[in-house]
Protein backbone atom coordinates (compact mmCIF):
# COMPACT_ATOMS: atom_id res chain seq x y z
CA MET A 1 61.72 -2.72 -13.52
CA PRO A 2 58.74 -0.59 -11.39
CA LEU A 3 58.38 2.77 -12.88
CA ARG A 4 59.12 6.06 -10.66
CA GLN A 5 56.22 7.91 -9.57
CA SER A 6 56.56 11.16 -10.63
CA LYS A 7 55.11 14.79 -10.67
CA THR A 8 53.50 16.31 -13.93
CA LEU A 9 56.39 17.20 -16.15
CA HIS A 10 54.31 20.21 -17.66
CA GLU A 11 57.59 22.39 -16.37
CA ALA A 12 59.93 19.95 -16.29
CA ASP A 13 62.95 20.23 -18.23
CA ILE A 14 62.73 18.80 -21.33
CA SER A 15 65.58 15.63 -20.46
CA LYS A 16 62.91 14.55 -17.49
CA PHE A 17 60.64 13.14 -19.77
CA TYR A 18 62.78 12.00 -22.27
CA ALA A 19 64.17 9.93 -19.63
CA MET A 20 60.29 9.04 -17.77
CA ALA A 21 59.43 8.47 -21.68
CA ASP A 22 62.86 5.20 -22.47
CA GLU A 23 62.03 3.95 -18.90
CA ILE A 24 57.76 3.37 -20.09
CA ARG A 25 59.64 1.91 -23.00
CA ALA A 26 62.07 -0.89 -21.74
CA CYS A 27 59.21 -1.90 -19.02
CA ALA A 28 56.32 -1.82 -22.22
CA PHE A 29 59.48 -3.95 -24.52
CA PRO A 30 62.39 -5.11 -22.40
CA GLN A 31 64.01 -6.66 -25.41
CA THR A 32 65.58 -4.72 -28.19
CA ASN A 33 64.73 -6.08 -31.78
CA LEU A 34 68.86 -6.84 -32.54
CA LYS A 35 68.13 -9.37 -29.47
CA ARG A 36 64.95 -10.58 -30.17
CA ILE A 37 66.33 -11.30 -33.03
CA ARG A 38 69.55 -12.58 -31.97
CA GLU A 39 68.31 -15.11 -29.69
CA SER A 40 66.21 -16.67 -32.42
CA ALA A 41 68.83 -16.82 -34.72
CA GLY A 42 70.56 -18.16 -32.15
CA LEU A 43 73.77 -16.80 -32.04
CA THR A 44 75.60 -14.93 -28.27
CA GLN A 45 76.87 -11.59 -28.82
CA SER A 46 80.06 -12.32 -29.24
CA GLN A 47 79.22 -14.75 -32.53
CA LEU A 48 77.25 -11.68 -34.44
CA ALA A 49 80.41 -9.04 -33.29
CA GLU A 50 82.59 -11.29 -35.01
CA GLN A 51 80.74 -12.81 -38.21
CA ALA A 52 78.76 -9.25 -38.46
CA ALA A 53 82.69 -7.91 -37.93
CA VAL A 54 81.01 -5.13 -35.24
CA SER A 55 82.59 -4.92 -32.19
CA LEU A 56 80.98 -6.41 -29.20
CA ARG A 57 80.87 -3.74 -27.67
CA SER A 58 78.43 -1.68 -30.18
CA ILE A 59 76.23 -4.57 -30.01
CA GLN A 60 76.48 -5.03 -26.29
CA MET A 61 75.15 -0.86 -25.94
CA TYR A 62 72.78 -1.89 -28.87
CA GLU A 63 70.69 -4.51 -27.07
CA GLN A 64 71.27 -2.01 -23.65
CA ARG A 65 70.09 0.14 -25.25
CA ASN A 66 72.69 2.48 -24.25
CA LYS A 67 73.73 4.03 -27.72
CA ASP A 68 70.46 4.35 -30.45
CA ILE A 69 70.38 1.73 -33.62
CA ASN A 70 68.52 4.09 -35.39
CA LYS A 71 71.99 5.59 -35.53
CA ALA A 72 73.82 3.66 -36.35
CA GLN A 73 75.96 3.90 -39.97
CA ALA A 74 74.16 1.90 -42.65
CA ILE A 75 77.13 0.09 -43.23
CA THR A 76 76.59 -1.50 -39.09
CA LEU A 77 73.14 -2.36 -39.48
CA ALA A 78 73.69 -4.09 -42.73
CA LYS A 79 76.77 -6.58 -41.95
CA ILE A 80 74.56 -6.90 -38.53
CA ALA A 81 71.22 -7.59 -40.86
CA ARG A 82 73.17 -10.25 -42.82
CA VAL A 83 74.47 -12.31 -40.96
CA LEU A 84 71.24 -12.58 -39.33
CA ASN A 85 68.86 -12.53 -42.25
CA CYS A 86 67.29 -10.18 -42.28
CA ALA A 87 66.09 -6.65 -43.51
CA ILE A 88 68.00 -3.54 -41.74
CA GLU A 89 64.15 -1.76 -41.21
CA ASP A 90 63.99 -5.22 -38.48
CA THR A 91 66.98 -4.56 -35.60
CA LEU A 92 65.01 -0.51 -35.72
CA GLU A 93 63.56 0.14 -32.90
CA ASN A 94 59.96 2.19 -33.34
CA GLU A 95 59.98 5.81 -32.71
CA SER A 96 56.69 6.89 -31.02
């Protein structure tokens, strides 16, 4: 996905800056940590959701970055990490 050409952001609303930053991050890191780890574990989204007792929609939203996994409840992260046999921190997205 090509980046939008934009004018300077120094006078732009902060939401425009965040939208552009999210777009840049998505281009630089196309897969979330959750998706990369899940695929390495050989699980589908449905299998992860079922085994972790987390809704399929939540897994989908985390992987599409429509829901911020860094703000997920600790119990949800613990369930996902247990199934994926990884540390909770491994599933989180780096914030720059």
